[in-house]
Amino acid sequence: MSIDYKAEIERLKKELDVTLVAHYYQRDEVFEMADITGDSLELARRCKADDNPWVVFCGVGFMGQSVKVIAPEKRVLMPKIACCAMARMIDGSYFDDSVNYMVEHGIAKEDILPITYINSDATVKAKVGEMGGYVCTSSNAFKIIEKGLETGKKILFVPDRCLGQNFAIKMGLKSCVIGEGECDPKEADVICFNGFCSVHQLFTVDDIEFYRNKYPDIKIAVHPECDPKVVQAADFAGSTSQLIKYVNELDPEQKVAIGTEYNLVNRMRQKNTYVLSSTKPECPTMNETTLEDLYKTLKSIEEGNPINEIQVGEHTVKYANLALERMLAIK
């Protein structure tokens, strides 16, 4: 006998003290079942404020970790503990290597202020927290970097080089990427780790030129995880929530090509909207979670044998939470 997963998920949601959370990049059938949806910053804030003791998070591993760090008393489960490829590019040892690189090039450790994109493991966030640094998201990175500069310290930005470079350009700052050409920390304001999002690397200036030639009045909107040349050639760059707001405020007749994850673009609006790539820009790990996975996770709570529970050590919770709370304190 086949199971009606949607009906069973709705039943379990009503009977259990659980909040179902989904990131914007989740596939439609999973996204539609969620109680809370949003980008990384919105999800972090709303999960912290939520009253239910159980959170079932549909996203990638670092997101579930962030909820556990901010609210360690909550039981956080993930239908699939999928791993963000960017987050895997940096761990504690690579972070230490980056700090050592700056020290070897004449910057005292106490003069380094690390900022980590939320797309990072909790152990990296903890190291950032121990050094007095911040977590940021693509929607608040400008404010976080601006706040960091007030200290007079050099900014070490990990792991996404594109995000760090794009905000440095926007703020009129000098940046360099460790391991990419000559990177002298003394000559730069923002020193970036050499990580990136594979999905957002699919978008190119050639794609923008193709759409501008085909539709001369088209608008181009991209995520700041895109290459700096793409961001500079676009009409607008912003986080997931900022992209949604930008597109929603356009005239319905205005054509727009969007450079971000496919599921989100496909969900924005049906008319005059194009994906800024000839290749489907779908995040493979964000799309791992299925309705069956979600059902099995909720069922495991009902049966008293929860699966895929997120665990974070006390030391990591303490210092990663410091970095996340510093972010959340900046409005």
C-alpha atoms as a PDB file:
ATOM      1  CA  MET A   1       0.000   0.000   0.000  1.00  0.00           C
ATOM      2  CA  SER A   2       1.450   3.339  -1.093  1.00  0.00           C
ATOM      3  CA  ILE A   3       1.787   6.183   1.406  1.00  0.00           C
ATOM      4  CA  ASP A   4       0.305   9.630   0.765  1.00  0.00           C
ATOM      5  CA  TYR A   5       3.373  11.482   1.980  1.00  0.00           C
ATOM      6  CA  LYS A   6       1.788  14.937   1.905  1.00  0.00           C
ATOM      7  CA  ALA A   7      -1.223  13.834   3.937  1.00  0.00           C
ATOM      8  CA  GLU A   8       0.964  11.992   6.450  1.00  0.00           C
ATOM      9  CA  ILE A   9       3.322  14.970   6.797  1.00  0.00           C
ATOM     10  CA  GLU A  10       0.362  17.269   7.488  1.00  0.00           C
ATOM     11  CA  ARG A  11      -0.959  14.828  10.096  1.00  0.00           C
ATOM     12  CA  LEU A  12       2.385  14.524  11.852  1.00  0.00           C
ATOM     13  CA  LYS A  13       2.877  18.290  11.862  1.00  0.00           C
ATOM     14  CA  LYS A  14      -0.440  18.687  13.685  1.00  0.00           C
ATOM     15  CA  GLU A  15       0.250  15.954  16.218  1.00  0.00           C
ATOM     16  CA  LEU A  16       3.884  16.733  17.040  1.00  0.00           C
ATOM     17  CA  ASP A  17       5.489  19.788  18.662  1.00  0.00           C
ATOM     18  CA  VAL A  18       7.610  20.339  15.588  1.00  0.00           C
ATOM     19  CA  THR A  19       8.402  23.211  13.241  1.00  0.00           C
ATOM     20  CA  LEU A  20       9.231  22.353   9.649  1.00  0.00           C
ATOM     21  CA  VAL A  21      11.787  24.693   8.085  1.00  0.00           C
ATOM     22  CA  ALA A  22      12.872  24.911   4.419  1.00  0.00           C
ATOM     23  CA  HIS A  23      15.383  27.044   2.566  1.00  0.00           C
ATOM     24  CA  TYR A  24      14.309  28.772  -0.650  1.00  0.00           C
ATOM     25  CA  TYR A  25      16.451  26.395  -2.742  1.00  0.00           C
ATOM     26  CA  GLN A  26      14.499  23.284  -1.730  1.00  0.00           C
ATOM     27  CA  ARG A  27      12.441  21.509  -4.379  1.00  0.00           C
ATOM     28  CA  ASP A  28       8.838  22.767  -4.609  1.00  0.00           C
ATOM     29  CA  GLU A  29       7.047  19.801  -3.035  1.00  0.00           C
ATOM     30  CA  VAL A  30       9.255  20.041   0.078  1.00  0.00           C
ATOM     31  CA  PHE A  31       9.219  23.846   0.215  1.00  0.00           C
ATOM     32  CA  GLU A  32       5.411  23.888   0.148  1.00  0.00           C
ATOM     33  CA  MET A  33       5.184  21.747   3.318  1.00  0.00           C
ATOM     34  CA  ALA A  34       7.263  24.105   5.480  1.00  0.00           C
ATOM     35  CA  ASP A  35       6.034  26.278   8.344  1.00  0.00           C
ATOM     36  CA  ILE A  36       9.005  28.620   7.982  1.00  0.00           C
ATOM     37  CA  THR A  37      10.755  29.440   4.702  1.00  0.00           C
ATOM     38  CA  GLY A  38      13.449  31.936   3.886  1.00  0.00           C
ATOM     39  CA  ASP A  39      17.107  32.603   3.289  1.00  0.00           C
ATOM     40  CA  SER A  40      19.837  31.869   5.805  1.00  0.00           C
ATOM     41  CA  LEU A  41      19.460  35.033   7.911  1.00  0.00           C
ATOM     42  CA  GLU A  42      15.671  34.849   8.123  1.00  0.00           C
ATOM     43  CA  LEU A  43      15.735  31.147   9.035  1.00  0.00           C
ATOM     44  CA  ALA A  44      18.338  31.699  11.760  1.00  0.00           C
ATOM     45  CA  ARG A  45      16.303  34.472  13.367  1.00  0.00           C
ATOM     46  CA  ARG A  46      12.921  32.752  13.121  1.00  0.00           C
ATOM     47  CA  CYS A  47      14.145  29.382  14.400  1.00  0.00           C
ATOM     48  CA  LYS A  48      15.644  31.082  17.444  1.00  0.00           C
ATOM     49  CA  ALA A  49      12.301  32.767  18.196  1.00  0.00           C
ATOM     50  CA  ASP A  50      10.154  29.669  17.562  1.00  0.00           C
ATOM     51  CA  ASP A  51       8.579  27.931  20.593  1.00  0.00           C
ATOM     52  CA  ASN A  52       8.476  24.309  19.420  1.00  0.00           C
ATOM     53  CA  PRO A  53      11.133  22.007  20.929  1.00  0.00           C
ATOM     54  CA  TRP A  54      11.614  20.099  17.646  1.00  0.00           C
ATOM     55  CA  VAL A  55      12.925  21.556  14.384  1.00  0.00           C
ATOM     56  CA  VAL A  56      13.009  19.567  11.159  1.00  0.00           C
ATOM     57  CA  PHE A  57      15.262  21.507   8.802  1.00  0.00           C
ATOM     58  CA  CYS A  58      15.190  20.966   5.041  1.00  0.00           C
ATOM     59  CA  GLY A  59      18.424  22.397   3.732  1.00  0.00           C
ATOM     60  CA  VAL A  60      22.127  21.653   4.040  1.00  0.00           C
ATOM     61  CA  GLY A  61      24.135  20.643   7.090  1.00  0.00           C
ATOM     62  CA  PHE A  62      25.556  24.000   8.163  1.00  0.00           C
ATOM     63  CA  MET A  63      22.009  25.407   8.399  1.00  0.00           C
ATOM     64  CA  GLY A  64      20.891  22.740  10.857  1.00  0.00           C
ATOM     65  CA  GLN A  65      24.098  23.319  12.817  1.00  0.00           C
ATOM     66  CA  SER A  66      23.366  27.050  13.007  1.00  0.00           C
ATOM     67  CA  VAL A  67      19.978  26.423  14.603  1.00  0.00           C
ATOM     68  CA  LYS A  68      21.544  24.026  17.116  1.00  0.00           C
ATOM     69  CA  VAL A  69      24.233  26.587  17.949  1.00  0.00           C
ATOM     70  CA  ILE A  70      21.788  29.458  18.427  1.00  0.00           C
ATOM     71  CA  ALA A  71      19.231  27.347  20.281  1.00  0.00           C
ATOM     72  CA  PRO A  72      21.096  24.329  21.773  1.00  0.00           C
ATOM     73  CA  GLU A  73      18.034  23.321  23.785  1.00  0.00           C
ATOM     74  CA  LYS A  74      16.152  22.463  20.574  1.00  0.00           C
ATOM     75  CA  ARG A  75      16.173  19.011  18.991  1.00  0.00           C
ATOM     76  CA  VAL A  76      17.182  19.607  15.371  1.00  0.00           C
ATOM     77  CA  LEU A  77      16.695  16.882  12.743  1.00  0.00           C
ATOM     78  CA  MET A  78      17.420  16.987   9.017  1.00  0.00           C
ATOM     79  CA  PRO A  79      15.718  14.694   6.482  1.00  0.00           C
ATOM     80  CA  LYS A  80      19.036  14.681   4.637  1.00  0.00           C
ATOM     81  CA  ILE A  81      22.240  16.017   6.183  1.00  0.00           C
ATOM     82  CA  ALA A  82      23.332  17.258   2.791  1.00  0.00           C
ATOM     83  CA  CYS A  83      26.642  19.084   2.575  1.00  0.00           C
ATOM     84  CA  CYS A  84      27.109  22.467   0.938  1.00  0.00           C
ATOM     85  CA  ALA A  85      30.110  22.184  -1.402  1.00  0.00           C
ATOM     86  CA  MET A  86      31.322  25.655  -0.446  1.00  0.00           C
ATOM     87  CA  ALA A  87      31.147  24.839   3.262  1.00  0.00           C
ATOM     88  CA  ARG A  88      33.295  21.746   2.625  1.00  0.00           C
ATOM     89  CA  MET A  89      36.032  23.894   1.092  1.00  0.00           C
ATOM     90  CA  ILE A  90      37.097  25.162   4.507  1.00  0.00           C
ATOM     91  CA  ASP A  91      37.593  23.446   7.859  1.00  0.00           C
ATOM     92  CA  GLY A  92      39.379  24.401  11.058  1.00  0.00           C
ATOM     93  CA  SER A  93      42.840  23.596   9.713  1.00  0.00           C
ATOM     94  CA  TYR A  94      42.325  25.614   6.505  1.00  0.00           C
ATOM     95  CA  PHE A  95      41.074  28.507   8.613  1.00  0.00           C
ATOM     96  CA  ASP A  96      44.206  28.306  10.775  1.00  0.00           C
ATOM     97  CA  ASP A  97      46.337  28.219   7.614  1.00  0.00           C
ATOM     98  CA  SER A  98      44.673  31.423   6.402  1.00  0.00           C
ATOM     99  CA  VAL A  99      45.351  33.179   9.697  1.00  0.00           C
ATOM    100  CA  ASN A 100      48.965  31.954   9.596  1.00  0.00           C
ATOM    101  CA  TYR A 101      49.327  33.227   6.027  1.00  0.00           C
ATOM    102  CA  MET A 102      48.402  36.722   7.182  1.00  0.00           C
ATOM    103  CA  VAL A 103      50.730  36.500  10.198  1.00  0.00           C
ATOM    104  CA  GLU A 104      53.601  35.345   7.951  1.00  0.00           C
ATOM    105  CA  HIS A 105      52.971  38.388   5.766  1.00  0.00           C
ATOM    106  CA  GLY A 106      53.343  40.813   8.638  1.00  0.00           C
ATOM    107  CA  ILE A 107      49.845  41.093  10.149  1.00  0.00           C
ATOM    108  CA  ALA A 108      49.700  40.385  13.880  1.00  0.00           C
ATOM    109  CA  LYS A 109      47.023  37.871  14.842  1.00  0.00           C
ATOM    110  CA  GLU A 110      45.369  40.396  17.176  1.00  0.00           C
ATOM    111  CA  ASP A 111      45.024  42.737  14.175  1.00  0.00           C
ATOM    112  CA  ILE A 112      42.953  40.202  12.212  1.00  0.00           C
ATOM    113  CA  LEU A 113      39.143  40.225  12.374  1.00  0.00           C
ATOM    114  CA  PRO A 114      37.671  37.082  10.783  1.00  0.00           C
ATOM    115  CA  ILE A 115      34.224  37.085   9.195  1.00  0.00           C
ATOM    116  CA  THR A 116      32.730  33.825   7.992  1.00  0.00           C
ATOM    117  CA  TYR A 117      29.868  33.474   5.578  1.00  0.00           C
ATOM    118  CA  ILE A 118      27.099  31.430   7.192  1.00  0.00           C
ATOM    119  CA  ASN A 119      27.882  28.745   4.585  1.00  0.00           C
ATOM    120  CA  SER A 120      30.535  27.203   6.825  1.00  0.00           C
ATOM    121  CA  ASP A 121      30.868  24.416   9.366  1.00  0.00           C
ATOM    122  CA  ALA A 122      30.219  25.136  13.034  1.00  0.00           C
ATOM    123  CA  THR A 123      33.889  24.472  13.860  1.00  0.00           C
ATOM    124  CA  VAL A 124      34.906  27.332  11.548  1.00  0.00           C
ATOM    125  CA  LYS A 125      32.284  29.595  13.104  1.00  0.00           C
ATOM    126  CA  ALA A 126      33.682  28.697  16.535  1.00  0.00           C
ATOM    127  CA  LYS A 127      37.222  29.672  15.524  1.00  0.00           C
ATOM    128  CA  VAL A 128      35.872  32.948  14.181  1.00  0.00           C
ATOM    129  CA  GLY A 129      33.988  33.506  17.434  1.00  0.00           C
ATOM    130  CA  GLU A 130      37.099  32.875  19.511  1.00  0.00           C
ATOM    131  CA  MET A 131      38.930  35.601  17.583  1.00  0.00           C
ATOM    132  CA  GLY A 132      36.141  38.127  18.165  1.00  0.00           C
ATOM    133  CA  GLY A 133      34.725  37.778  14.666  1.00  0.00           C
ATOM    134  CA  TYR A 134      31.313  37.571  13.045  1.00  0.00           C
ATOM    135  CA  VAL A 135      29.144  35.326  10.935  1.00  0.00           C
ATOM    136  CA  CYS A 136      27.430  37.033   7.999  1.00  0.00           C
ATOM    137  CA  THR A 137      24.934  36.199   5.276  1.00  0.00           C
ATOM    138  CA  SER A 138      24.683  37.618   1.778  1.00  0.00           C
ATOM    139  CA  SER A 139      21.922  39.954   2.967  1.00  0.00           C
ATOM    140  CA  ASN A 140      23.890  41.545   5.806  1.00  0.00           C
ATOM    141  CA  ALA A 141      27.535  41.148   4.726  1.00  0.00           C
ATOM    142  CA  PHE A 142      27.805  44.870   3.895  1.00  0.00           C
ATOM    143  CA  LYS A 143      26.770  45.838   7.441  1.00  0.00           C
ATOM    144  CA  ILE A 144      28.985  43.190   9.040  1.00  0.00           C
ATOM    145  CA  ILE A 145      32.087  44.195   7.077  1.00  0.00           C
ATOM    146  CA  GLU A 146      31.328  47.863   7.771  1.00  0.00           C
ATOM    147  CA  LYS A 147      31.105  47.069  11.490  1.00  0.00           C
ATOM    148  CA  GLY A 148      34.325  45.067  11.325  1.00  0.00           C
ATOM    149  CA  LEU A 149      36.212  47.929   9.684  1.00  0.00           C
ATOM    150  CA  GLU A 150      35.418  50.133  12.669  1.00  0.00           C
ATOM    151  CA  THR A 151      37.931  48.060  14.645  1.00  0.00           C
ATOM    152  CA  GLY A 152      40.757  49.146  12.360  1.00  0.00           C
ATOM    153  CA  LYS A 153      41.701  45.494  11.812  1.00  0.00           C
ATOM    154  CA  LYS A 154      42.290  43.569   8.599  1.00  0.00           C
ATOM    155  CA  ILE A 155      39.259  41.541   7.530  1.00  0.00           C
ATOM    156  CA  LEU A 156      39.796  37.832   6.859  1.00  0.00           C
ATOM    157  CA  PHE A 157      36.719  36.756   4.884  1.00  0.00           C
ATOM    158  CA  VAL A 158      35.939  33.037   4.554  1.00  0.00           C
ATOM    159  CA  PRO A 159      35.034  30.906   2.655  1.00  0.00           C
ATOM    160  CA  ASP A 160      33.440  32.646  -0.379  1.00  0.00           C
ATOM    161  CA  ARG A 161      35.945  34.756  -2.292  1.00  0.00           C
ATOM    162  CA  CYS A 162      33.240  36.181  -4.582  1.00  0.00           C
ATOM    163  CA  LEU A 163      31.101  37.478  -1.751  1.00  0.00           C
ATOM    164  CA  GLY A 164      34.134  39.047  -0.077  1.00  0.00           C
ATOM    165  CA  GLN A 165      35.382  40.617  -3.301  1.00  0.00           C
ATOM    166  CA  ASN A 166      31.960  41.916  -4.353  1.00  0.00           C
ATOM    167  CA  PHE A 167      31.332  43.677  -1.073  1.00  0.00           C
ATOM    168  CA  ALA A 168      34.859  45.073  -1.049  1.00  0.00           C
ATOM    169  CA  ILE A 169      34.252  46.551  -4.523  1.00  0.00           C
ATOM    170  CA  LYS A 170      30.894  47.938  -3.401  1.00  0.00           C
ATOM    171  CA  MET A 171      32.546  49.624  -0.426  1.00  0.00           C
ATOM    172  CA  GLY A 172      35.527  50.959  -2.360  1.00  0.00           C
ATOM    173  CA  LEU A 173      37.966  48.671  -0.536  1.00  0.00           C
ATOM    174  CA  LYS A 174      40.960  46.695  -1.738  1.00  0.00           C
ATOM    175  CA  SER A 175      40.721  42.908  -1.628  1.00  0.00           C
ATOM    176  CA  CYS A 176      42.894  39.940  -2.498  1.00  0.00           C
ATOM    177  CA  VAL A 177      42.414  36.166  -2.554  1.00  0.00           C
ATOM    178  CA  ILE A 178      44.836  33.856  -0.763  1.00  0.00           C
ATOM    179  CA  GLY A 179      46.394  31.500  -3.305  1.00  0.00           C
ATOM    180  CA  GLU A 180      45.256  33.549  -6.302  1.00  0.00           C
ATOM    181  CA  GLY A 181      48.004  35.751  -7.741  1.00  0.00           C
ATOM    182  CA  GLU A 182      49.890  38.124  -5.462  1.00  0.00           C
ATOM    183  CA  CYS A 183      47.943  38.493  -2.224  1.00  0.00           C
ATOM    184  CA  ASP A 184      49.709  40.873   0.159  1.00  0.00           C
ATOM    185  CA  PRO A 185      47.528  41.319   3.273  1.00  0.00           C
ATOM    186  CA  LYS A 186      49.307  44.595   4.045  1.00  0.00           C
ATOM    187  CA  GLU A 187      48.013  46.067   0.775  1.00  0.00           C
ATOM    188  CA  ALA A 188      44.400  44.849   1.108  1.00  0.00           C
ATOM    189  CA  ASP A 189      41.482  45.675   3.410  1.00  0.00           C
ATOM    190  CA  VAL A 190      39.651  42.377   2.866  1.00  0.00           C
ATOM    191  CA  ILE A 191      41.663  39.166   2.530  1.00  0.00           C
ATOM    192  CA  CYS A 192      39.534  36.366   1.079  1.00  0.00           C
ATOM    193  CA  PHE A 193      39.755  32.592   1.344  1.00  0.00           C
ATOM    194  CA  ASN A 194      39.651  30.936  -2.080  1.00  0.00           C
ATOM    195  CA  GLY A 195      36.218  29.270  -1.831  1.00  0.00           C
ATOM    196  CA  PHE A 196      33.182  29.596  -4.083  1.00  0.00           C
ATOM    197  CA  CYS A 197      29.666  28.383  -4.884  1.00  0.00           C
ATOM    198  CA  SER A 198      29.719  26.013  -7.851  1.00  0.00           C
ATOM    199  CA  VAL A 199      26.126  26.891  -8.810  1.00  0.00           C
ATOM    200  CA  HIS A 200      26.746  30.629  -8.962  1.00  0.00           C
ATOM    201  CA  GLN A 201      29.944  30.106 -10.950  1.00  0.00           C
ATOM    202  CA  LEU A 202      27.738  28.904 -13.838  1.00  0.00           C
ATOM    203  CA  PHE A 203      26.683  32.476 -14.647  1.00  0.00           C
ATOM    204  CA  THR A 204      28.965  34.409 -16.999  1.00  0.00           C
ATOM    205  CA  VAL A 205      29.259  37.827 -18.611  1.00  0.00           C
ATOM    206  CA  ASP A 206      28.568  36.041 -21.933  1.00  0.00           C
ATOM    207  CA  ASP A 207      25.179  34.978 -20.532  1.00  0.00           C
ATOM    208  CA  ILE A 208      24.400  38.600 -19.674  1.00  0.00           C
ATOM    209  CA  GLU A 209      25.442  39.788 -23.140  1.00  0.00           C
ATOM    210  CA  PHE A 210      23.277  37.080 -24.751  1.00  0.00           C
ATOM    211  CA  TYR A 211      20.151  38.298 -22.950  1.00  0.00           C
ATOM    212  CA  ARG A 212      20.934  41.988 -23.486  1.00  0.00           C
ATOM    213  CA  ASN A 213      21.318  41.357 -27.225  1.00  0.00           C
ATOM    214  CA  LYS A 214      18.104  39.336 -27.378  1.00  0.00           C
ATOM    215  CA  TYR A 215      16.055  41.666 -25.152  1.00  0.00           C
ATOM    216  CA  PRO A 216      17.636  45.177 -25.136  1.00  0.00           C
ATOM    217  CA  ASP A 217      15.519  46.419 -22.224  1.00  0.00           C
ATOM    218  CA  ILE A 218      15.931  43.341 -20.005  1.00  0.00           C
ATOM    219  CA  LYS A 219      17.024  43.642 -16.370  1.00  0.00           C
ATOM    220  CA  ILE A 220      19.754  41.362 -15.018  1.00  0.00           C
ATOM    221  CA  ALA A 221      19.616  40.412 -11.322  1.00  0.00           C
ATOM    222  CA  VAL A 222      22.241  38.177  -9.723  1.00  0.00           C
ATOM    223  CA  HIS A 223      23.382  36.846  -6.361  1.00  0.00           C
ATOM    224  CA  PRO A 224      26.659  38.250  -4.916  1.00  0.00           C
ATOM    225  CA  GLU A 225      28.099  34.715  -4.858  1.00  0.00           C
ATOM    226  CA  CYS A 226      28.567  35.241  -8.604  1.00  0.00           C
ATOM    227  CA  ASP A 227      31.932  36.249 -10.046  1.00  0.00           C
ATOM    228  CA  PRO A 228      32.665  39.990  -9.548  1.00  0.00           C
ATOM    229  CA  LYS A 229      32.656  40.575 -13.332  1.00  0.00           C
ATOM    230  CA  VAL A 230      29.120  39.180 -13.501  1.00  0.00           C
ATOM    231  CA  VAL A 231      27.963  41.284 -10.549  1.00  0.00           C
ATOM    232  CA  GLN A 232      29.434  44.450 -12.074  1.00  0.00           C
ATOM    233  CA  ALA A 233      27.712  43.746 -15.410  1.00  0.00           C
ATOM    234  CA  ALA A 234      24.301  43.199 -13.768  1.00  0.00           C
ATOM    235  CA  ASP A 235      21.605  45.764 -12.964  1.00  0.00           C
ATOM    236  CA  PHE A 236      21.107  44.430  -9.453  1.00  0.00           C
ATOM    237  CA  ALA A 237      22.892  42.115  -7.048  1.00  0.00           C
ATOM    238  CA  GLY A 238      21.416  40.898  -3.794  1.00  0.00           C
ATOM    239  CA  SER A 239      20.743  38.040  -1.425  1.00  0.00           C
ATOM    240  CA  THR A 240      17.929  35.578  -1.993  1.00  0.00           C
ATOM    241  CA  SER A 241      15.374  37.695  -0.122  1.00  0.00           C
ATOM    242  CA  GLN A 242      16.656  40.858  -1.808  1.00  0.00           C
ATOM    243  CA  LEU A 243      16.366  39.245  -5.242  1.00  0.00           C
ATOM    244  CA  ILE A 244      12.769  38.243  -4.507  1.00  0.00           C
ATOM    245  CA  LYS A 245      11.921  41.802  -3.417  1.00  0.00           C
ATOM    246  CA  TYR A 246      13.606  43.302  -6.473  1.00  0.00           C
ATOM    247  CA  VAL A 247      11.781  41.036  -8.915  1.00  0.00           C
ATOM    248  CA  ASN A 248       8.408  41.458  -7.157  1.00  0.00           C
ATOM    249  CA  GLU A 249       8.691  45.237  -7.458  1.00  0.00           C
ATOM    250  CA  LEU A 250       9.318  45.155 -11.213  1.00  0.00           C
ATOM    251  CA  ASP A 251       6.504  45.864 -13.658  1.00  0.00           C
ATOM    252  CA  PRO A 252       5.016  42.479 -14.676  1.00  0.00           C
ATOM    253  CA  GLU A 253       5.840  43.328 -18.305  1.00  0.00           C
ATOM    254  CA  GLN A 254       9.499  43.930 -17.471  1.00  0.00           C
ATOM    255  CA  LYS A 255      11.710  41.081 -18.617  1.00  0.00           C
ATOM    256  CA  VAL A 256      14.330  39.935 -16.116  1.00  0.00           C
ATOM    257  CA  ALA A 257      17.065  37.285 -16.218  1.00  0.00           C
ATOM    258  CA  ILE A 258      18.098  36.006 -12.799  1.00  0.00           C
ATOM    259  CA  GLY A 259      21.419  34.490 -11.799  1.00  0.00           C
ATOM    260  CA  THR A 260      20.749  32.227  -8.838  1.00  0.00           C
ATOM    261  CA  GLU A 261      19.519  28.721  -7.975  1.00  0.00           C
ATOM    262  CA  TYR A 262      16.919  27.303 -10.358  1.00  0.00           C
ATOM    263  CA  ASN A 263      14.187  26.307  -7.887  1.00  0.00           C
ATOM    264  CA  LEU A 264      14.012  29.850  -6.557  1.00  0.00           C
ATOM    265  CA  VAL A 265      13.973  31.447 -10.004  1.00  0.00           C
ATOM    266  CA  ASN A 266      11.302  29.028 -11.181  1.00  0.00           C
ATOM    267  CA  ARG A 267       9.159  29.957  -8.170  1.00  0.00           C
ATOM    268  CA  MET A 268       9.452  33.746  -8.490  1.00  0.00           C
ATOM    269  CA  ARG A 269       7.003  34.508 -11.287  1.00  0.00           C
ATOM    270  CA  GLN A 270       5.827  32.769 -14.435  1.00  0.00           C
ATOM    271  CA  LYS A 271       5.976  35.643 -16.937  1.00  0.00           C
ATOM    272  CA  ASN A 272       8.979  37.428 -18.445  1.00  0.00           C
ATOM    273  CA  THR A 273      11.461  35.660 -16.159  1.00  0.00           C
ATOM    274  CA  TYR A 274      14.534  33.849 -17.418  1.00  0.00           C
ATOM    275  CA  VAL A 275      17.326  31.775 -15.895  1.00  0.00           C
ATOM    276  CA  LEU A 276      20.694  33.412 -16.611  1.00  0.00           C
ATOM    277  CA  SER A 277      22.368  30.235 -17.835  1.00  0.00           C
ATOM    278  CA  SER A 278      22.131  27.697 -20.627  1.00  0.00           C
ATOM    279  CA  THR A 279      22.763  25.024 -17.957  1.00  0.00           C
ATOM    280  CA  LYS A 280      20.132  24.382 -15.290  1.00  0.00           C
ATOM    281  CA  PRO A 281      21.664  26.017 -12.169  1.00  0.00           C
ATOM    282  CA  GLU A 282      20.295  23.560  -9.641  1.00  0.00           C
ATOM    283  CA  CYS A 283      22.074  22.983  -6.340  1.00  0.00           C
ATOM    284  CA  PRO A 284      22.465  19.181  -6.129  1.00  0.00           C
ATOM    285  CA  THR A 285      22.738  19.005  -2.332  1.00  0.00           C
ATOM    286  CA  MET A 286      19.799  21.346  -1.711  1.00  0.00           C
ATOM    287  CA  ASN A 287      17.733  19.058  -3.926  1.00  0.00           C
ATOM    288  CA  GLU A 288      18.564  15.829  -2.100  1.00  0.00           C
ATOM    289  CA  THR A 289      15.642  16.095   0.338  1.00  0.00           C
ATOM    290  CA  THR A 290      12.424  14.383  -0.792  1.00  0.00           C
ATOM    291  CA  LEU A 291       8.911  14.133   0.623  1.00  0.00           C
ATOM    292  CA  GLU A 292       9.683  10.545   1.617  1.00  0.00           C
ATOM    293  CA  ASP A 293      12.755  11.714   3.561  1.00  0.00           C
ATOM    294  CA  LEU A 294      10.668  14.360   5.290  1.00  0.00           C
ATOM    295  CA  TYR A 295       7.948  11.857   6.182  1.00  0.00           C
ATOM    296  CA  LYS A 296      10.462   9.363   7.601  1.00  0.00           C
ATOM    297  CA  THR A 297      12.067  12.063   9.753  1.00  0.00           C
ATOM    298  CA  LEU A 298       8.743  13.197  11.234  1.00  0.00           C
ATOM    299  CA  LYS A 299       7.691   9.555  11.701  1.00  0.00           C
ATOM    300  CA  SER A 300      10.901   8.884  13.651  1.00  0.00           C
ATOM    301  CA  ILE A 301       9.890  11.582  16.154  1.00  0.00           C
ATOM    302  CA  GLU A 302       6.441  10.010  16.520  1.00  0.00           C
ATOM    303  CA  GLU A 303       8.019   6.604  17.133  1.00  0.00           C
ATOM    304  CA  GLY A 304      10.424   7.977  19.734  1.00  0.00           C
ATOM    305  CA  ASN A 305      13.532   7.093  17.733  1.00  0.00           C
ATOM    306  CA  PRO A 306      14.616  10.343  16.010  1.00  0.00           C
ATOM    307  CA  ILE A 307      16.993  10.082  13.063  1.00  0.00           C
ATOM    308  CA  ASN A 308      19.592  12.442  11.591  1.00  0.00           C
ATOM    309  CA  GLU A 309      19.783  14.576  14.708  1.00  0.00           C
ATOM    310  CA  ILE A 310      22.292  17.424  14.627  1.00  0.00           C
ATOM    311  CA  GLN A 311      24.857  17.312  17.418  1.00  0.00           C
ATOM    312  CA  VAL A 312      27.375  20.069  18.137  1.00  0.00           C
ATOM    313  CA  GLY A 313      29.946  19.954  20.960  1.00  0.00           C
ATOM    314  CA  GLU A 314      29.750  22.380  23.888  1.00  0.00           C
ATOM    315  CA  HIS A 315      32.968  24.241  23.029  1.00  0.00           C
ATOM    316  CA  THR A 316      31.866  24.704  19.424  1.00  0.00           C
ATOM    317  CA  VAL A 317      28.392  25.819  20.513  1.00  0.00           C
ATOM    318  CA  LYS A 318      29.855  28.383  22.907  1.00  0.00           C
ATOM    319  CA  TYR A 319      32.121  30.141  20.436  1.00  0.00           C
ATOM    320  CA  ALA A 320      30.101  29.644  17.244  1.00  0.00           C
ATOM    321  CA  ASN A 321      27.154  31.116  19.112  1.00  0.00           C
ATOM    322  CA  LEU A 322      29.228  34.202  19.960  1.00  0.00           C
ATOM    323  CA  ALA A 323      29.906  34.786  16.258  1.00  0.00           C
ATOM    324  CA  LEU A 324      26.264  34.200  15.301  1.00  0.00           C
ATOM    325  CA  GLU A 325      24.933  36.400  18.115  1.00  0.00           C
ATOM    326  CA  ARG A 326      27.246  39.211  17.044  1.00  0.00           C
ATOM    327  CA  MET A 327      25.652  38.939  13.592  1.00  0.00           C
ATOM    328  CA  LEU A 328      22.089  38.866  14.911  1.00  0.00           C
ATOM    329  CA  ALA A 329      22.755  41.920  17.097  1.00  0.00           C
ATOM    330  CA  ILE A 330      23.426  44.048  14.004  1.00  0.00           C
ATOM    331  CA  LYS A 331      20.133  45.221  12.531  1.00  0.00           C
END
